[in-house]
Protein backbone atom coordinates (compact mmCIF):
# COMPACT_ATOMS: atom_id res chain seq x y z
CA MET A 1 45.89 126.77 113.13
CA LYS A 2 48.95 128.60 111.91
CA ARG A 3 49.22 132.46 112.48
CA LEU A 4 51.65 135.17 111.64
CA LEU A 5 53.70 136.24 114.83
CA PRO A 6 52.50 139.56 116.27
CA ALA A 7 55.64 142.03 115.86
CA SER A 8 56.29 141.83 119.62
CA LEU A 9 55.58 138.74 121.67
CA GLY A 10 57.36 138.55 125.15
CA ASN A 11 60.47 140.19 123.34
CA VAL A 12 60.71 137.26 121.19
CA ALA A 13 60.47 139.09 117.84
CA ALA A 14 61.14 142.52 117.19
CA HIS A 15 59.06 145.42 116.42
CA GLN A 16 58.88 147.20 112.88
CA ASN A 17 57.10 150.24 111.54
CA PRO A 18 57.05 153.27 110.80
CA MET A 19 59.51 154.07 108.35
CA LYS A 20 60.87 157.37 109.52
CA ARG A 21 62.82 155.76 112.38
CA LEU A 22 62.71 152.10 110.90
CA PHE A 23 66.42 151.76 110.87
CA LEU A 24 66.82 152.98 114.49
CA VAL A 25 63.88 150.79 115.69
CA PHE A 26 65.38 147.57 114.30
CA ILE A 27 68.91 148.06 115.17
CA ALA A 28 68.17 149.03 118.86
CA SER A 29 65.87 146.31 119.31
CA ALA A 30 66.24 144.88 122.74
CA PHE A 31 65.82 141.33 121.78
CA LEU A 32 68.05 141.45 118.43
CA PRO A 33 71.37 142.99 119.69
CA ALA A 34 73.97 143.14 117.36
CA PHE A 35 76.32 140.41 118.54
CA ALA A 36 78.15 139.45 115.55
CA ALA A 37 81.26 141.38 116.63
CA ALA A 38 81.45 139.19 119.62
CA GLN A 39 81.13 135.98 117.87
CA VAL A 40 83.84 136.94 115.58
CA ALA A 41 86.33 137.84 118.28
CA ALA A 42 85.41 134.52 120.05
CA ALA A 43 86.24 132.57 117.05
CA ALA A 44 89.59 134.33 116.55
CA GLN A 45 92.87 132.67 117.12
CA VAL A 46 93.39 132.75 120.86
CA PRO A 47 95.43 130.87 123.38
CA ALA A 48 94.32 127.42 124.58
CA ALA A 49 91.34 127.39 126.72
CA SER A 50 93.18 126.05 129.76
CA GLN A 51 95.26 129.32 129.80
CA VAL A 52 92.25 131.87 129.13
CA PRO A 53 89.61 132.72 131.78
CA ALA A 54 86.31 131.38 130.59
CA ASN A 55 84.50 134.66 131.11
CA GLN A 56 86.29 136.57 128.69
CA VAL A 57 86.80 137.00 124.97
CA VAL A 58 90.55 137.49 124.15
CA ASP A 59 91.91 138.71 120.83
CA ARG A 60 95.80 138.71 120.47
CA GLY A 61 96.50 138.20 124.32
CA GLN A 62 93.99 141.41 125.10
CA VAL A 63 90.57 140.97 126.75
CA VAL A 64 88.08 142.56 124.30
CA GLU A 65 84.88 141.69 125.91
CA GLU A 66 83.59 139.84 128.96
CA ILE A 67 81.16 136.80 128.68
CA VAL A 68 78.11 136.65 130.98
CA THR A 69 76.52 133.54 129.44
CA ARG A 70 77.34 130.54 127.23
CA VAL A 71 74.59 128.89 125.22
CA ASN A 72 75.95 125.66 123.69
CA SER A 73 78.92 127.09 121.31
CA GLN A 74 77.42 130.67 121.32
CA ILE A 75 78.08 133.52 123.96
CA ILE A 76 76.19 136.45 125.43
CA THR A 77 78.53 139.37 126.21
CA ARG A 78 78.12 142.11 128.85
CA SER A 79 77.81 144.80 126.21
CA GLU A 80 74.94 143.09 124.43
CA PHE A 81 73.45 142.37 128.05
CA GLN A 82 73.89 146.25 128.66
CA ARG A 83 72.63 147.21 125.38
CA SER A 84 69.32 145.14 125.74
CA LYS A 85 68.73 146.91 129.28
CA ASP A 86 69.49 150.56 127.79
CA GLN A 87 66.87 149.76 125.06
CA LEU A 88 64.28 148.44 127.50
CA ARG A 89 64.80 151.72 129.55
CA ASP A 90 64.04 153.83 126.17
CA ASP A 91 61.13 151.42 125.39
CA VAL A 92 59.43 151.69 128.64
CA LYS A 93 59.70 155.70 128.52
CA GLN A 94 57.87 155.70 125.15
CA GLN A 95 55.28 153.37 126.20
CA ASP A 96 54.32 155.25 129.70
CA ALA A 97 56.84 157.88 130.78
CA ALA A 98 54.88 158.47 134.17
CA ASN A 99 55.45 154.82 135.11
CA ALA A 100 58.86 154.26 133.26
CA ASP A 101 60.70 153.25 136.46
CA THR A 102 58.01 150.83 137.44
CA LEU A 103 57.78 149.08 134.10
CA TYR A 104 61.54 148.86 133.68
CA ALA A 105 61.96 147.14 137.40
CA GLU A 106 59.41 144.57 136.22
CA ARG A 107 60.84 143.68 132.96
CA GLU A 108 64.54 143.93 133.77
CA LYS A 109 64.72 140.65 135.44
CA ASP A 110 63.99 139.28 131.97
CA VAL A 111 66.48 140.82 130.01
CA LEU A 112 69.15 137.74 130.20
CA ARG A 113 66.27 135.31 129.45
CA ASP A 114 65.20 137.11 126.31
CA LEU A 115 68.83 137.04 125.15
CA VAL A 116 69.00 133.15 126.01
CA ASP A 117 65.67 132.63 124.14
CA GLN A 118 67.19 134.22 121.05
CA GLN A 119 70.32 132.00 121.19
CA LEU A 120 68.04 129.03 121.34
CA LEU A 121 65.92 129.94 118.64
CA LEU A 122 68.63 130.99 116.30
CA GLU A 123 70.26 127.62 116.87
CA LYS A 124 67.18 125.70 116.23
CA GLY A 125 66.42 127.64 113.26
CA LYS A 126 69.96 126.41 111.84
CA ASP A 127 68.97 122.82 112.77
CA LEU A 128 65.76 123.29 110.72
CA GLY A 129 67.65 124.70 108.00
CA ILE A 130 66.01 128.08 108.21
CA THR A 131 68.17 130.70 106.86
CA GLY A 132 65.73 133.77 106.38
CA ASP A 133 67.37 134.99 103.43
CA THR A 134 64.47 135.05 101.04
CA ASP A 135 62.25 136.98 103.52
CA LEU A 136 65.15 139.45 104.28
CA VAL A 137 65.29 140.33 100.32
CA LYS A 138 61.48 140.73 100.43
CA ARG A 139 61.57 142.87 103.69
CA LEU A 140 64.21 145.22 102.62
CA ASP A 141 62.72 145.65 99.26
CA GLN A 142 59.34 146.18 100.95
CA MET A 143 61.29 148.82 103.44
CA ARG A 144 63.05 150.57 100.24
CA LYS A 145 59.57 150.97 98.48
CA GLU A 146 58.17 152.57 101.60
CA MET A 147 60.94 155.07 101.77
CA LYS A 148 60.46 156.04 98.28
CA LEU A 149 64.11 154.95 97.41
CA GLU A 150 64.98 153.74 93.95
CA THR A 151 67.86 151.20 94.66
CA MET A 152 69.00 148.91 97.48
CA GLU A 153 72.07 151.16 97.21
CA GLU A 154 70.04 154.05 98.56
CA LEU A 155 68.70 152.04 101.41
CA GLU A 156 72.25 151.06 102.56
CA LYS A 157 73.33 154.60 102.15
CA ALA A 158 70.23 155.86 104.19
CA ALA A 159 71.29 153.34 107.09
CA THR A 160 74.80 154.51 107.04
CA SER A 161 73.67 158.22 107.37
CA GLN A 162 72.18 157.31 110.57
CA GLY A 163 75.50 155.80 111.95
CA ILE A 164 74.11 152.09 111.61
CA SER A 165 76.09 149.50 110.20
CA TYR A 166 74.10 148.06 107.23
CA GLU A 167 75.45 144.46 107.68
CA ASP A 168 74.75 144.55 111.36
CA PHE A 169 71.29 145.89 110.66
CA LYS A 170 70.59 143.13 107.94
CA GLN A 171 71.86 140.27 110.65
CA ASN A 172 69.32 141.66 113.12
CA MET A 173 66.52 141.63 110.62
CA ARG A 174 67.76 137.98 109.56
CA ASN A 175 67.68 136.98 113.24
CA GLN A 176 64.04 138.33 113.84
CA ILE A 177 62.92 136.48 110.62
CA ILE A 178 64.30 133.20 111.80
CA THR A 179 63.00 133.62 115.50
CA GLN A 180 59.62 134.26 114.02
CA LYS A 181 59.81 131.25 111.67
CA VAL A 182 60.78 128.86 114.23
CA ILE A 183 58.05 129.87 116.63
CA GLY A 184 55.60 129.41 113.80
CA GLU A 185 56.65 126.20 112.93
CA GLU A 186 57.69 124.62 116.17
CA VAL A 187 55.07 126.31 118.63
CA GLY A 188 52.15 127.98 116.64
CA SER A 189 51.47 125.47 113.99
CA HIS A 190 50.51 122.79 116.81
CA LEU A 191 48.03 125.31 118.62
CA SER A 192 44.33 124.94 117.81
CA ILE A 193 41.09 126.87 118.48
CA THR A 194 37.75 125.48 118.61
CA LYS A 195 34.28 126.74 117.55
CA GLU A 196 33.29 126.49 121.10
CA GLU A 197 36.24 128.58 122.37
CA GLN A 198 35.56 131.21 120.01
CA GLN A 199 31.71 131.37 120.84
CA GLN A 200 32.68 131.67 124.55
CA PHE A 201 35.22 134.43 123.98
CA TYR A 202 32.56 136.25 121.71
CA ASP A 203 29.80 135.92 124.54
CA GLU A 204 32.36 136.98 127.23
CA HIS A 205 33.56 139.90 125.64
CA LYS A 206 30.58 141.20 123.51
CA ASN A 207 30.31 144.59 125.33
CA GLU A 208 33.74 145.22 124.66
CA MET A 209 33.25 144.78 120.86
CA GLU A 210 30.64 147.62 120.62
CA GLN A 211 32.07 150.06 117.94
CA PRO A 212 30.90 153.26 116.36
CA GLU A 213 30.06 153.52 112.56
CA ALA A 214 33.37 153.82 110.50
CA ILE A 215 34.71 153.41 107.21
CA LYS A 216 37.99 152.32 105.81
CA LEU A 217 39.16 154.19 103.01
CA SER A 218 42.18 154.07 100.35
CA GLU A 219 43.27 156.88 98.06
CA ILE A 220 44.83 157.60 94.80
CA LEU A 221 46.12 161.21 95.07
CA ILE A 222 47.33 163.18 91.59
CA ALA A 223 49.21 166.05 92.43
CA PRO A 224 49.88 168.71 89.64
CA GLN A 225 53.44 169.06 88.70
CA LYS A 226 55.17 171.93 90.27
CA PRO A 227 56.81 174.19 87.21
CA ALA A 228 60.51 174.48 87.33
CA PRO A 229 62.00 177.32 89.22
CA ASN A 230 62.39 180.58 87.47
CA LYS A 231 60.69 178.86 84.23
CA SER A 232 58.80 181.98 83.15
CA ALA A 233 61.62 184.42 83.93
CA ALA A 234 64.18 182.44 81.73
CA ALA A 235 61.73 182.04 78.88
CA LYS A 236 60.59 185.76 78.96
CA PRO A 237 63.39 188.29 80.46
CA GLU A 238 62.09 191.47 81.90
CA PRO A 239 62.26 194.39 79.82
CA ALA A 240 64.75 197.15 80.57
CA SER A 241 63.86 199.63 83.13
CA THR A 242 62.22 202.78 81.81
CA PRO A 243 62.94 206.20 82.92
CA ASP A 244 59.87 206.35 84.69
CA ALA A 245 60.72 203.12 86.47
CA SER A 246 64.02 204.48 87.67
CA ALA A 247 62.58 207.30 89.20
CA THR A 248 60.20 205.17 91.30
CA GLY A 249 63.20 202.96 92.60
CA GLY A 250 63.36 200.63 89.78
CA GLU A 251 59.74 199.38 90.04
CA ASN A 252 58.23 197.65 87.08
CA PRO A 253 54.49 196.79 87.81
CA LYS A 254 53.78 195.59 84.31
CA GLY A 255 56.51 193.36 84.39
CA GLN A 256 55.58 191.91 87.92
CA ASP A 257 51.85 191.35 86.43
CA ALA A 258 53.24 189.65 83.35
CA GLY A 259 55.15 187.20 85.41
CA GLU A 260 52.35 186.51 88.01
CA ALA A 261 50.06 185.77 84.99
CA ALA A 262 52.60 183.35 83.45
CA LYS A 263 52.99 181.48 86.97
CA GLN A 264 49.15 181.25 87.20
CA ALA A 265 48.85 180.00 83.78
CA GLU A 266 51.36 177.30 84.53
CA GLU A 267 49.80 176.21 87.46
CA ALA A 268 46.44 176.04 85.80
CA GLU A 269 48.22 173.99 83.07
CA ALA A 270 49.62 171.74 85.51
CA LEU A 271 46.04 171.18 87.51
CA ALA A 272 44.60 170.59 84.11
CA ALA A 273 46.92 167.90 83.44
CA ALA A 274 46.61 166.34 86.94
CA GLU A 275 42.79 166.14 86.38
CA ALA A 276 43.14 164.60 83.11
CA LYS A 277 45.47 162.17 84.55
CA ALA A 278 43.28 161.29 87.44
CA ALA A 279 40.16 160.79 84.98
CA ASP A 280 42.25 158.43 83.31
CA VAL A 281 43.22 156.31 86.17
CA LEU A 282 39.59 156.35 87.19
CA LYS A 283 38.66 155.04 83.84
CA GLN A 284 41.27 152.25 84.20
CA ILE A 285 39.77 151.46 87.72
CA ARG A 286 36.06 151.28 86.21
CA ALA A 287 37.29 148.89 83.65
CA GLY A 288 38.66 146.36 86.28
CA ALA A 289 42.04 147.74 87.16
CA SER A 290 43.09 147.04 90.74
CA PHE A 291 42.59 149.87 92.73
CA GLU A 292 45.68 148.84 95.05
CA ASP A 293 47.90 148.30 92.07
CA MET A 294 46.75 151.82 90.46
CA ALA A 295 47.74 153.44 93.64
CA LYS A 296 51.06 152.04 93.87
CA LYS A 297 51.82 153.00 90.28
CA TYR A 298 50.34 156.57 90.14
CA SER A 299 49.35 157.82 93.51
CA ASP A 300 51.57 160.72 94.80
CA GLY A 301 50.14 160.12 98.42
CA PRO A 302 52.42 159.05 101.39
CA SER A 303 50.09 155.82 101.10
CA ALA A 304 50.98 154.88 97.61
CA ALA A 305 53.34 152.05 98.82
CA GLN A 306 50.43 150.66 100.95
CA GLY A 307 48.16 150.40 97.84
CA GLY A 308 46.60 153.55 98.94
CA ASP A 309 45.37 152.57 102.35
CA LEU A 310 44.34 155.32 104.85
CA GLY A 311 42.89 153.19 107.71
CA SER A 312 39.74 153.96 109.58
CA PHE A 313 37.68 156.76 110.06
CA LYS A 314 34.93 157.33 112.24
CA ARG A 315 32.07 159.78 111.88
CA GLY A 316 32.92 163.26 112.98
CA THR A 317 36.51 163.03 111.80
CA MET A 318 36.36 164.02 108.18
CA ALA A 319 35.16 167.18 106.33
CA LYS A 320 31.24 167.06 106.37
CA GLU A 321 30.99 167.01 102.56
CA LEU A 322 33.35 164.08 102.32
CA GLU A 323 31.98 162.30 105.25
CA ASP A 324 28.46 162.60 103.64
CA ARG A 325 29.50 161.13 100.44
CA THR A 326 31.85 158.31 101.78
CA PHE A 327 29.64 157.11 104.44
CA ALA A 328 26.68 156.46 101.94
CA MET A 329 28.92 154.21 100.12
CA LYS A 330 29.18 150.68 100.46
CA SER A 331 32.37 148.59 100.86
CA GLY A 332 33.94 148.30 97.38
CA ASP A 333 32.73 151.38 95.95
CA VAL A 334 34.85 154.12 94.30
CA THR A 335 34.19 157.89 94.15
CA ASP A 336 34.44 160.10 90.94
CA VAL A 337 37.68 162.23 90.86
CA ILE A 338 37.44 164.80 93.70
CA ARG A 339 39.24 168.18 93.72
CA ALA A 340 41.50 168.57 96.94
CA LYS A 341 43.94 170.96 98.31
CA GLN A 342 46.79 168.77 97.16
CA GLY A 343 45.23 167.91 93.87
CA TYR A 344 42.79 165.55 92.63
CA VAL A 345 41.88 162.38 94.57
CA ILE A 346 39.89 159.19 94.08
CA LEU A 347 38.60 157.27 96.97
CA LYS A 348 37.64 153.79 97.71
CA VAL A 349 35.67 152.65 100.58
CA THR A 350 37.39 149.15 101.55
CA GLY A 351 35.05 148.46 104.57
CA HIS A 352 32.14 150.10 106.02
CA GLN A 353 31.36 149.04 109.84
CA MET A 354 28.08 149.81 111.24
CA ALA A 355 27.55 151.33 114.63
CA GLY A 356 26.79 148.70 117.50
CA ILE A 357 27.86 145.07 118.41
CA PRO A 358 29.15 143.21 115.33
CA PRO A 359 27.92 139.91 114.66
CA MET A 360 30.36 137.01 115.26
CA LYS A 361 31.01 136.47 111.71
CA ASP A 362 32.33 139.75 111.10
CA VAL A 363 34.82 139.64 114.34
CA GLU A 364 35.83 135.90 114.03
CA PRO A 365 39.34 136.60 112.66
CA LYS A 366 40.12 139.10 115.43
CA ILE A 367 38.63 136.39 118.05
CA GLN A 368 40.83 133.73 116.65
CA ASP A 369 44.07 135.96 116.85
CA ALA A 370 43.15 136.67 120.31
CA LEU A 371 42.69 133.08 121.46
CA TYR A 372 45.76 132.26 119.41
CA TYR A 373 48.09 134.63 121.23
CA GLN A 374 46.56 133.63 124.45
CA LYS A 375 47.66 130.07 124.01
CA LEU A 376 51.01 130.96 122.17
CA GLN A 377 52.55 132.62 125.07
CA PRO A 378 52.47 129.96 127.65
CA ALA A 379 53.10 127.19 124.78
CA LEU A 380 56.21 129.26 123.68
CA ARG A 381 57.81 129.61 127.22
CA ALA A 382 57.27 125.51 127.53
CA TYR A 383 58.94 125.19 124.24
CA LEU A 384 61.67 127.42 125.23
CA THR A 385 62.11 125.67 128.66
CA LYS A 386 62.59 122.27 126.94
CA LEU A 387 65.08 123.84 124.62
CA ARG A 388 67.11 124.85 127.62
CA GLU A 389 66.85 121.47 129.07
CA ASP A 390 68.34 120.00 125.89
CA ALA A 391 71.38 122.67 125.82
CA TYR A 392 74.32 123.29 128.00
CA ILE A 393 73.94 126.79 129.39
CA ASP A 394 76.37 128.15 131.73
CA TYR A 395 75.96 131.73 133.42
CA ARG A 396 78.51 133.91 135.25
CA GLU A 397 77.82 134.40 138.87
CA GLY A 398 75.62 137.46 139.49
CA TYR A 399 73.35 136.77 136.19
CA VAL A 400 70.14 135.29 136.48
CA ASP A 401 68.09 133.65 133.78
CA SER A 402 64.20 134.22 134.78
CA GLY A 403 63.49 131.45 132.27
CA ALA A 404 65.87 128.92 133.56
CA SER A 405 64.70 125.17 134.33
CA PRO A 406 65.73 123.30 137.18
CA ASN A 407 66.42 120.39 134.84
CA GLN A 408 69.09 122.24 132.78
CA THR A 409 72.33 120.54 132.26
CA LYS A 410 75.45 122.20 134.05
CA PRO A 411 78.41 122.06 131.75
CA ILE A 412 81.02 119.77 132.97
CA GLU A 413 84.18 121.48 134.70
CA THR A 414 87.08 119.93 133.15
CA ALA A 415 89.91 120.51 130.87
CA ALA A 416 89.65 119.76 127.29
CA PRO A 417 88.16 116.18 126.99
CA LYS A 418 90.13 113.43 125.48
CA ALA A 419 89.23 112.17 122.09
CA SER A 420 87.46 109.20 123.57
CA GLU A 421 85.34 111.15 125.86
CA GLY A 422 84.33 113.71 123.24
CA LYS A 423 82.88 110.53 121.19
CA LYS A 424 80.61 109.59 124.19
CA LEU A 425 79.56 113.09 124.75
CA ASN A 426 78.55 113.50 121.03
CA LYS A 427 76.21 110.80 121.30
CA LYS A 428 73.92 113.03 123.34
CA LYS A 429 71.77 114.84 120.42
CA LYS A 430 72.22 118.38 119.90
CA LYS A 431 74.18 119.00 123.04
CA LYS A 432 77.82 120.34 123.26
CA LEU A 433 80.53 120.25 125.72
CA LEU A 434 82.08 123.71 126.67
CA GLY A 435 85.27 122.35 128.22
CA VAL A 436 85.67 125.18 130.97
CA PRO A 437 83.39 126.85 133.03
CA ILE A 438 82.57 130.58 133.53
């Protein structure tokens, strides 16, 4: 049974959402540090390996980075390691500020493990021919839509304005896509869940599934167009002040009344146009048009990019008049046009959950997901252990990989190998000789 990965699983995949801080969330993700700069430096022209300490990246004779771990031909630098620790500290503060120090102490030991995991998964993705390019374009475009930006150039500017390298941002997102796909193909696709396991889970957690009555709503908001500033004033200049007006300090009550009346007329006209537009949208929906598509096309609400999805609402959380109307509806029903503070809205009930313990058929997908993720974590760790055993990994003294296997191969400590020796070593599938130790 194949499932999409959760946004975060043992720090193997990065979290994504909401758009307000989306760039910062992605770029600062602990499991996806920006390591492109260090790799470029490592690939630059440097002196012979025998003349350079193996725990340093050198560019033009100067040390520019300190290496803490080598994973086959890739490196993990001290700055990456520190960035991941800093991000972890920020994450635990957001999750539970009162126990942040305790949570950090528990998870800090796995920082290097997660960085090694990432390198192994990215290399496996390369072996499998996974580039993530198509999915990257789709995700960036979805992000653009959710941020209500017209072009990809505007998205790039939005990233740059927050002090983020757009190229690093895209690389981090690509890495996330590749690691998710590798885990899905190599681990998730081999997991299976039986009917018996689902029934057992339901029986054991039945009381936890008790729920209040709630509905899921989607909306289309048609807001009246705001008149252009000073439109009335531009069209009808105020008459010159009369002697009486000058005597009272220049006040002109009649002129003010006329301006206010013109403003109210414009607002009424905009409101009428919005009502007519909402009525036309509803007519199309009644004729068979997709509510989600119409929301994306016409809604002025913040949920437009999501097809109008507003999420779930329990009884007592909405205005009584609106609650009485929507809770009496069935899933799939659509309201008439409703006057709201922001304009006119059309609501659709996309789900109606009754109070009590739901039947198993209604929660089966959630049960399958829960069982899937329960099985995925240990299976993923076993898979990553096997990848470690098939790789050459070397750690600088003092740095500990909590996911290390006792069966890992220690790089051979020698000078650059002879050509004949290199041929023999290359016979070992997917393993590379690192030449010098850390």
